[in-house]
Amino acid sequence: MMHAQWQMALSCVFLFLDKNLVEFALNIPVRYKISGSDDKLRKNILRKTAFNLGLDKQIAYRPKKAAQYGTGIDKILRKKSFKGY
């Protein structure tokens, strides 16, 4: 990763890997992260914060979706990999 950054003069920032943020998150009580055993959305505190900061409720509280499905790349890869069969 670093080599690619140097070649292209890119800078990567990994906000969620910040030591202080990780320590802070680990000290947040679980009841703020997950509202109950039937909580399928999880990340409760992030969702509430996003909503309180102005994000639409529909977006803040939408169900989780794996990145490859949310971006549509899975459909592209399937289409390309089965082309010619």
PDB file of N, CA and C in Angstrom:
ATOM      1  N   MET A   1       0.830  -1.198   0.000  1.00  0.00           N
ATOM      2  CA  MET A   1       0.000   0.000   0.000  1.00  0.00           C
ATOM      3  C   MET A   1       0.872   1.259   0.000  1.00  0.00           C
ATOM      4  N   MET A   2       1.895   1.282   0.838  1.00  0.00           N
ATOM      5  CA  MET A   2       2.745   2.467   0.921  1.00  0.00           C
ATOM      6  C   MET A   2       3.453   2.734  -0.407  1.00  0.00           C
ATOM      7  N   HIS A   3       3.925   1.674  -1.068  1.00  0.00           N
ATOM      8  CA  HIS A   3       4.630   1.831  -2.337  1.00  0.00           C
ATOM      9  C   HIS A   3       3.718   2.496  -3.376  1.00  0.00           C
ATOM     10  N   ALA A   4       2.484   2.043  -3.449  1.00  0.00           N
ATOM     11  CA  ALA A   4       1.522   2.625  -4.387  1.00  0.00           C
ATOM     12  C   ALA A   4       1.265   4.087  -4.051  1.00  0.00           C
ATOM     13  N   GLN A   5       1.219   4.402  -2.781  1.00  0.00           N
ATOM     14  CA  GLN A   5       1.003   5.792  -2.374  1.00  0.00           C
ATOM     15  C   GLN A   5       2.143   6.683  -2.868  1.00  0.00           C
ATOM     16  N   TRP A   6       3.365   6.224  -2.681  1.00  0.00           N
ATOM     17  CA  TRP A   6       4.511   7.020  -3.073  1.00  0.00           C
ATOM     18  C   TRP A   6       4.551   7.226  -4.579  1.00  0.00           C
ATOM     19  N   GLN A   7       4.232   6.203  -5.339  1.00  0.00           N
ATOM     20  CA  GLN A   7       4.266   6.307  -6.797  1.00  0.00           C
ATOM     21  C   GLN A   7       3.252   7.328  -7.303  1.00  0.00           C
ATOM     22  N   MET A   8       2.114   7.399  -6.668  1.00  0.00           N
ATOM     23  CA  MET A   8       1.056   8.267  -7.154  1.00  0.00           C
ATOM     24  C   MET A   8       0.898   9.524  -6.309  1.00  0.00           C
ATOM     25  N   ALA A   9       1.781   9.712  -5.331  1.00  0.00           N
ATOM     26  CA  ALA A   9       1.730  10.861  -4.430  1.00  0.00           C
ATOM     27  C   ALA A   9       0.361  10.970  -3.754  1.00  0.00           C
ATOM     28  N   LEU A  10      -0.131   9.832  -3.271  1.00  0.00           N
ATOM     29  CA  LEU A  10      -1.412   9.794  -2.587  1.00  0.00           C
ATOM     30  C   LEU A  10      -1.212   9.773  -1.085  1.00  0.00           C
ATOM     31  N   SER A  11      -2.221  10.207  -0.399  1.00  0.00           N
ATOM     32  CA  SER A  11      -2.197  10.155   1.058  1.00  0.00           C
ATOM     33  C   SER A  11      -3.446   9.424   1.521  1.00  0.00           C
ATOM     34  N   CYS A  12      -3.256   8.396   2.320  1.00  0.00           N
ATOM     35  CA  CYS A  12      -4.387   7.639   2.846  1.00  0.00           C
ATOM     36  C   CYS A  12      -4.599   7.987   4.311  1.00  0.00           C
ATOM     37  N   VAL A  13      -5.835   8.183   4.680  1.00  0.00           N
ATOM     38  CA  VAL A  13      -6.182   8.469   6.067  1.00  0.00           C
ATOM     39  C   VAL A  13      -7.148   7.386   6.524  1.00  0.00           C
ATOM     40  N   PHE A  14      -6.804   6.722   7.601  1.00  0.00           N
ATOM     41  CA  PHE A  14      -7.627   5.654   8.145  1.00  0.00           C
ATOM     42  C   PHE A  14      -8.228   6.126   9.462  1.00  0.00           C
ATOM     43  N   LEU A  15      -9.303   6.898   9.369  1.00  0.00           N
ATOM     44  CA  LEU A  15      -9.890   7.522  10.552  1.00  0.00           C
ATOM     45  C   LEU A  15     -10.290   6.524  11.633  1.00  0.00           C
ATOM     46  N   PHE A  16     -10.831   5.390  11.228  1.00  0.00           N
ATOM     47  CA  PHE A  16     -11.311   4.435  12.213  1.00  0.00           C
ATOM     48  C   PHE A  16     -10.186   3.609  12.824  1.00  0.00           C
ATOM     49  N   LEU A  17      -8.947   3.811  12.399  1.00  0.00           N
ATOM     50  CA  LEU A  17      -7.810   3.133  12.998  1.00  0.00           C
ATOM     51  C   LEU A  17      -7.029   4.047  13.935  1.00  0.00           C
ATOM     52  N   ASP A  18      -7.516   5.247  14.164  1.00  0.00           N
ATOM     53  CA  ASP A  18      -6.884   6.169  15.093  1.00  0.00           C
ATOM     54  C   ASP A  18      -6.913   5.569  16.499  1.00  0.00           C
ATOM     55  N   LYS A  19      -5.759   5.513  17.156  1.00  0.00           N
ATOM     56  CA  LYS A  19      -5.641   4.863  18.464  1.00  0.00           C
ATOM     57  C   LYS A  19      -6.618   5.463  19.481  1.00  0.00           C
ATOM     58  N   ASN A  20      -6.714   6.767  19.532  1.00  0.00           N
ATOM     59  CA  ASN A  20      -7.616   7.418  20.492  1.00  0.00           C
ATOM     60  C   ASN A  20      -9.077   7.075  20.207  1.00  0.00           C
ATOM     61  N   LEU A  21      -9.436   7.036  18.934  1.00  0.00           N
ATOM     62  CA  LEU A  21     -10.813   6.695  18.570  1.00  0.00           C
ATOM     63  C   LEU A  21     -11.128   5.248  18.923  1.00  0.00           C
ATOM     64  N   VAL A  22     -10.183   4.346  18.665  1.00  0.00           N
ATOM     65  CA  VAL A  22     -10.390   2.931  18.989  1.00  0.00           C
ATOM     66  C   VAL A  22     -10.566   2.759  20.495  1.00  0.00           C
ATOM     67  N   GLU A  23      -9.710   3.397  21.285  1.00  0.00           N
ATOM     68  CA  GLU A  23      -9.823   3.306  22.744  1.00  0.00           C
ATOM     69  C   GLU A  23     -11.155   3.870  23.224  1.00  0.00           C
ATOM     70  N   PHE A  24     -11.566   4.988  22.646  1.00  0.00           N
ATOM     71  CA  PHE A  24     -12.845   5.600  23.015  1.00  0.00           C
ATOM     72  C   PHE A  24     -14.000   4.645  22.705  1.00  0.00           C
ATOM     73  N   ALA A  25     -13.982   4.075  21.494  1.00  0.00           N
ATOM     74  CA  ALA A  25     -15.056   3.171  21.069  1.00  0.00           C
ATOM     75  C   ALA A  25     -15.119   1.925  21.940  1.00  0.00           C
ATOM     76  N   LEU A  26     -13.965   1.417  22.336  1.00  0.00           N
ATOM     77  CA  LEU A  26     -13.943   0.228  23.193  1.00  0.00           C
ATOM     78  C   LEU A  26     -14.502   0.501  24.584  1.00  0.00           C
ATOM     79  N   ASN A  27     -14.494   1.755  24.987  1.00  0.00           N
ATOM     80  CA  ASN A  27     -15.008   2.109  26.313  1.00  0.00           C
ATOM     81  C   ASN A  27     -16.474   2.530  26.318  1.00  0.00           C
ATOM     82  N   ILE A  28     -17.108   2.568  25.153  1.00  0.00           N
ATOM     83  CA  ILE A  28     -18.539   2.882  25.080  1.00  0.00           C
ATOM     84  C   ILE A  28     -19.311   1.642  25.520  1.00  0.00           C
ATOM     85  N   PRO A  29     -20.227   1.788  26.482  1.00  0.00           N
ATOM     86  CA  PRO A  29     -21.016   0.634  26.928  1.00  0.00           C
ATOM     87  C   PRO A  29     -21.801   0.002  25.776  1.00  0.00           C
ATOM     88  N   VAL A  30     -21.893  -1.312  25.783  1.00  0.00           N
ATOM     89  CA  VAL A  30     -22.564  -2.067  24.722  1.00  0.00           C
ATOM     90  C   VAL A  30     -24.002  -1.604  24.539  1.00  0.00           C
ATOM     91  N   ARG A  31     -24.665  -1.205  25.601  1.00  0.00           N
ATOM     92  CA  ARG A  31     -26.079  -0.804  25.487  1.00  0.00           C
ATOM     93  C   ARG A  31     -26.269   0.384  24.544  1.00  0.00           C
ATOM     94  N   TYR A  32     -25.206   1.167  24.332  1.00  0.00           N
ATOM     95  CA  TYR A  32     -25.295   2.284  23.386  1.00  0.00           C
ATOM     96  C   TYR A  32     -24.993   1.846  21.960  1.00  0.00           C
ATOM     97  N   LYS A  33     -24.316   0.729  21.814  1.00  0.00           N
ATOM     98  CA  LYS A  33     -23.954   0.238  20.481  1.00  0.00           C
ATOM     99  C   LYS A  33     -25.029  -0.672  19.914  1.00  0.00           C
ATOM    100  N   ILE A  34     -25.598  -1.515  20.769  1.00  0.00           N
ATOM    101  CA  ILE A  34     -26.632  -2.473  20.363  1.00  0.00           C
ATOM    102  C   ILE A  34     -27.806  -2.282  21.301  1.00  0.00           C
ATOM    103  N   SER A  35     -28.991  -2.038  20.753  1.00  0.00           N
ATOM    104  CA  SER A  35     -30.137  -1.722  21.602  1.00  0.00           C
ATOM    105  C   SER A  35     -30.805  -2.938  22.225  1.00  0.00           C
ATOM    106  N   GLY A  36     -30.492  -4.151  21.777  1.00  0.00           N
ATOM    107  CA  GLY A  36     -31.071  -5.357  22.355  1.00  0.00           C
ATOM    108  C   GLY A  36     -30.684  -6.582  21.552  1.00  0.00           C
ATOM    109  N   SER A  37     -31.075  -7.749  22.039  1.00  0.00           N
ATOM    110  CA  SER A  37     -30.699  -8.989  21.360  1.00  0.00           C
ATOM    111  C   SER A  37     -31.337  -9.122  19.982  1.00  0.00           C
ATOM    112  N   ASP A  38     -32.437  -8.413  19.751  1.00  0.00           N
ATOM    113  CA  ASP A  38     -33.106  -8.475  18.446  1.00  0.00           C
ATOM    114  C   ASP A  38     -32.709  -7.319  17.536  1.00  0.00           C
ATOM    115  N   ASP A  39     -31.695  -6.551  17.944  1.00  0.00           N
ATOM    116  CA  ASP A  39     -31.240  -5.397  17.162  1.00  0.00           C
ATOM    117  C   ASP A  39     -30.482  -5.871  15.931  1.00  0.00           C
ATOM    118  N   LYS A  40     -31.128  -5.819  14.783  1.00  0.00           N
ATOM    119  CA  LYS A  40     -30.508  -6.278  13.546  1.00  0.00           C
ATOM    120  C   LYS A  40     -29.688  -5.174  12.865  1.00  0.00           C
ATOM    121  N   LEU A  41     -29.944  -3.922  13.204  1.00  0.00           N
ATOM    122  CA  LEU A  41     -29.227  -2.820  12.581  1.00  0.00           C
ATOM    123  C   LEU A  41     -27.860  -2.583  13.223  1.00  0.00           C
ATOM    124  N   ARG A  42     -27.783  -2.735  14.525  1.00  0.00           N
ATOM    125  CA  ARG A  42     -26.560  -2.493  15.295  1.00  0.00           C
ATOM    126  C   ARG A  42     -26.030  -1.082  15.059  1.00  0.00           C
ATOM    127  N   LYS A  43     -24.827  -0.821  15.487  1.00  0.00           N
ATOM    128  CA  LYS A  43     -24.204   0.503  15.350  1.00  0.00           C
ATOM    129  C   LYS A  43     -25.168   1.608  15.787  1.00  0.00           C
ATOM    130  N   ASN A  44     -25.909   1.346  16.833  1.00  0.00           N
ATOM    131  CA  ASN A  44     -26.966   2.229  17.292  1.00  0.00           C
ATOM    132  C   ASN A  44     -26.483   3.655  17.549  1.00  0.00           C
ATOM    133  N   ILE A  45     -25.374   3.804  18.255  1.00  0.00           N
ATOM    134  CA  ILE A  45     -24.875   5.136  18.597  1.00  0.00           C
ATOM    135  C   ILE A  45     -24.470   5.919  17.345  1.00  0.00           C
ATOM    136  N   LEU A  46     -23.895   5.243  16.358  1.00  0.00           N
ATOM    137  CA  LEU A  46     -23.530   5.923  15.108  1.00  0.00           C
ATOM    138  C   LEU A  46     -24.767   6.351  14.330  1.00  0.00           C
ATOM    139  N   ARG A  47     -25.774   5.499  14.318  1.00  0.00           N
ATOM    140  CA  ARG A  47     -27.004   5.816  13.596  1.00  0.00           C
ATOM    141  C   ARG A  47     -27.724   7.006  14.235  1.00  0.00           C
ATOM    142  N   LYS A  48     -27.823   6.990  15.570  1.00  0.00           N
ATOM    143  CA  LYS A  48     -28.481   8.106  16.271  1.00  0.00           C
ATOM    144  C   LYS A  48     -27.717   9.401  16.069  1.00  0.00           C
ATOM    145  N   THR A  49     -26.390   9.320  16.144  1.00  0.00           N
ATOM    146  CA  THR A  49     -25.569  10.516  15.954  1.00  0.00           C
ATOM    147  C   THR A  49     -25.732  11.062  14.540  1.00  0.00           C
ATOM    148  N   ALA A  50     -25.691  10.181  13.558  1.00  0.00           N
ATOM    149  CA  ALA A  50     -25.860  10.617  12.163  1.00  0.00           C
ATOM    150  C   ALA A  50     -27.212  11.287  11.962  1.00  0.00           C
ATOM    151  N   PHE A  51     -28.250  10.692  12.542  1.00  0.00           N
ATOM    152  CA  PHE A  51     -29.591  11.268  12.421  1.00  0.00           C
ATOM    153  C   PHE A  51     -29.657  12.628  13.114  1.00  0.00           C
ATOM    154  N   ASN A  52     -29.086  12.715  14.317  1.00  0.00           N
ATOM    155  CA  ASN A  52     -29.106  13.974  15.074  1.00  0.00           C
ATOM    156  C   ASN A  52     -28.281  15.072  14.405  1.00  0.00           C
ATOM    157  N   LEU A  53     -27.315  14.677  13.586  1.00  0.00           N
ATOM    158  CA  LEU A  53     -26.505  15.662  12.857  1.00  0.00           C
ATOM    159  C   LEU A  53     -27.128  16.069  11.524  1.00  0.00           C
ATOM    160  N   GLY A  54     -28.301  15.473  11.204  1.00  0.00           N
ATOM    161  CA  GLY A  54     -29.017  15.916  10.015  1.00  0.00           C
ATOM    162  C   GLY A  54     -29.185  14.901   8.892  1.00  0.00           C
ATOM    163  N   LEU A  55     -28.632  13.707   9.035  1.00  0.00           N
ATOM    164  CA  LEU A  55     -28.810  12.685   7.999  1.00  0.00           C
ATOM    165  C   LEU A  55     -30.258  12.210   8.016  1.00  0.00           C
ATOM    166  N   ASP A  56     -30.844  12.014   6.849  1.00  0.00           N
ATOM    167  CA  ASP A  56     -32.227  11.542   6.775  1.00  0.00           C
ATOM    168  C   ASP A  56     -32.396  10.245   7.556  1.00  0.00           C
ATOM    169  N   LYS A  57     -33.531  10.114   8.229  1.00  0.00           N
ATOM    170  CA  LYS A  57     -33.800   8.919   9.027  1.00  0.00           C
ATOM    171  C   LYS A  57     -33.758   7.659   8.162  1.00  0.00           C
ATOM    172  N   GLN A  58     -34.275   7.754   6.960  1.00  0.00           N
ATOM    173  CA  GLN A  58     -34.301   6.619   6.032  1.00  0.00           C
ATOM    174  C   GLN A  58     -32.880   6.109   5.746  1.00  0.00           C
ATOM    175  N   ILE A  59     -31.934   7.017   5.657  1.00  0.00           N
ATOM    176  CA  ILE A  59     -30.552   6.636   5.385  1.00  0.00           C
ATOM    177  C   ILE A  59     -29.851   6.171   6.658  1.00  0.00           C
ATOM    178  N   ALA A  60     -30.018   6.915   7.737  1.00  0.00           N
ATOM    179  CA  ALA A  60     -29.339   6.586   8.994  1.00  0.00           C
ATOM    180  C   ALA A  60     -29.750   5.227   9.537  1.00  0.00           C
ATOM    181  N   TYR A  61     -30.988   4.857   9.337  1.00  0.00           N
ATOM    182  CA  TYR A  61     -31.496   3.612   9.918  1.00  0.00           C
ATOM    183  C   TYR A  61     -31.753   2.505   8.893  1.00  0.00           C
ATOM    184  N   ARG A  62     -31.160   2.617   7.721  1.00  0.00           N
ATOM    185  CA  ARG A  62     -31.358   1.538   6.737  1.00  0.00           C
ATOM    186  C   ARG A  62     -30.539   0.319   7.148  1.00  0.00           C
ATOM    187  N   PRO A  63     -30.989  -0.864   6.762  1.00  0.00           N
ATOM    188  CA  PRO A  63     -30.283  -2.092   7.125  1.00  0.00           C
ATOM    189  C   PRO A  63     -28.872  -2.143   6.541  1.00  0.00           C
ATOM    190  N   LYS A  64     -27.995  -2.857   7.241  1.00  0.00           N
ATOM    191  CA  LYS A  64     -26.626  -3.018   6.767  1.00  0.00           C
ATOM    192  C   LYS A  64     -26.623  -3.849   5.490  1.00  0.00           C
ATOM    193  N   LYS A  65     -25.645  -3.562   4.648  1.00  0.00           N
ATOM    194  CA  LYS A  65     -25.490  -4.304   3.399  1.00  0.00           C
ATOM    195  C   LYS A  65     -23.989  -4.447   3.159  1.00  0.00           C
ATOM    196  N   ALA A  66     -23.555  -5.644   2.819  1.00  0.00           N
ATOM    197  CA  ALA A  66     -22.137  -5.855   2.550  1.00  0.00           C
ATOM    198  C   ALA A  66     -21.685  -4.930   1.427  1.00  0.00           C
ATOM    199  N   ALA A  67     -20.472  -4.423   1.530  1.00  0.00           N
ATOM    200  CA  ALA A  67     -19.963  -3.435   0.569  1.00  0.00           C
ATOM    201  C   ALA A  67     -20.057  -3.911  -0.869  1.00  0.00           C
ATOM    202  N   GLN A  68     -19.741  -5.177  -1.110  1.00  0.00           N
ATOM    203  CA  GLN A  68     -19.757  -5.654  -2.492  1.00  0.00           C
ATOM    204  C   GLN A  68     -21.164  -5.656  -3.077  1.00  0.00           C
ATOM    205  N   TYR A  69     -22.185  -5.752  -2.227  1.00  0.00           N
ATOM    206  CA  TYR A  69     -23.561  -5.722  -2.732  1.00  0.00           C
ATOM    207  C   TYR A  69     -24.079  -4.290  -2.827  1.00  0.00           C
ATOM    208  N   GLY A  70     -23.653  -3.438  -1.916  1.00  0.00           N
ATOM    209  CA  GLY A  70     -24.087  -2.043  -1.920  1.00  0.00           C
ATOM    210  C   GLY A  70     -23.561  -1.260  -3.099  1.00  0.00           C
ATOM    211  N   THR A  71     -22.380  -1.637  -3.586  1.00  0.00           N
ATOM    212  CA  THR A  71     -21.771  -0.917  -4.700  1.00  0.00           C
ATOM    213  C   THR A  71     -22.192  -1.459  -6.053  1.00  0.00           C
ATOM    214  N   GLY A  72     -22.692  -2.689  -6.076  1.00  0.00           N
ATOM    215  CA  GLY A  72     -23.095  -3.295  -7.335  1.00  0.00           C
ATOM    216  C   GLY A  72     -21.974  -4.065  -8.019  1.00  0.00           C
ATOM    217  N   ILE A  73     -20.785  -4.073  -7.403  1.00  0.00           N
ATOM    218  CA  ILE A  73     -19.647  -4.749  -8.018  1.00  0.00           C
ATOM    219  C   ILE A  73     -19.895  -6.245  -8.157  1.00  0.00           C
ATOM    220  N   ASP A  74     -20.693  -6.817  -7.261  1.00  0.00           N
ATOM    221  CA  ASP A  74     -20.984  -8.254  -7.349  1.00  0.00           C
ATOM    222  C   ASP A  74     -21.673  -8.600  -8.661  1.00  0.00           C
ATOM    223  N   LYS A  75     -22.577  -7.747  -9.117  1.00  0.00           N
ATOM    224  CA  LYS A  75     -23.285  -7.985 -10.380  1.00  0.00           C
ATOM    225  C   LYS A  75     -22.328  -7.886 -11.570  1.00  0.00           C
ATOM    226  N   ILE A  76     -21.445  -6.914 -11.508  1.00  0.00           N
ATOM    227  CA  ILE A  76     -20.477  -6.727 -12.591  1.00  0.00           C
ATOM    228  C   ILE A  76     -19.549  -7.936 -12.668  1.00  0.00           C
ATOM    229  N   LEU A  77     -19.053  -8.379 -11.515  1.00  0.00           N
ATOM    230  CA  LEU A  77     -18.137  -9.526 -11.504  1.00  0.00           C
ATOM    231  C   LEU A  77     -18.822 -10.796 -11.989  1.00  0.00           C
ATOM    232  N   ARG A  78     -20.072 -11.005 -11.566  1.00  0.00           N
ATOM    233  CA  ARG A  78     -20.807 -12.190 -12.026  1.00  0.00           C
ATOM    234  C   ARG A  78     -20.998 -12.151 -13.533  1.00  0.00           C
ATOM    235  N   LYS A  79     -21.354 -10.993 -14.042  1.00  0.00           N
ATOM    236  CA  LYS A  79     -21.585 -10.839 -15.480  1.00  0.00           C
ATOM    237  C   LYS A  79     -20.296 -11.116 -16.260  1.00  0.00           C
ATOM    238  N   LYS A  80     -19.177 -10.577 -15.771  1.00  0.00           N
ATOM    239  CA  LYS A  80     -17.896 -10.769 -16.459  1.00  0.00           C
ATOM    240  C   LYS A  80     -17.391 -12.205 -16.345  1.00  0.00           C
ATOM    241  N   SER A  81     -17.580 -12.829 -15.178  1.00  0.00           N
ATOM    242  CA  SER A  81     -17.029 -14.168 -14.984  1.00  0.00           C
ATOM    243  C   SER A  81     -17.819 -15.231 -15.733  1.00  0.00           C
ATOM    244  N   PHE A  82     -19.078 -14.995 -16.007  1.00  0.00           N
ATOM    245  CA  PHE A  82     -19.891 -15.990 -16.713  1.00  0.00           C
ATOM    246  C   PHE A  82     -20.006 -15.671 -18.204  1.00  0.00           C
ATOM    247  N   LYS A  83     -19.362 -14.631 -18.651  1.00  0.00           N
ATOM    248  CA  LYS A  83     -19.383 -14.274 -20.062  1.00  0.00           C
ATOM    249  C   LYS A  83     -18.644 -15.350 -20.860  1.00  0.00           C
ATOM    250  N   GLY A  84     -19.237 -15.891 -21.818  1.00  0.00           N
ATOM    251  CA  GLY A  84     -18.601 -16.908 -22.634  1.00  0.00           C
ATOM    252  C   GLY A  84     -18.951 -18.326 -22.217  1.00  0.00           C
ATOM    253  N   TYR A  85     -19.719 -18.491 -21.152  1.00  0.00           N
ATOM    254  CA  TYR A  85     -20.146 -19.842 -20.734  1.00  0.00           C
ATOM    255  C   TYR A  85     -21.578 -20.087 -21.148  1.00  0.00           C
TER     256      TYR A  85
END
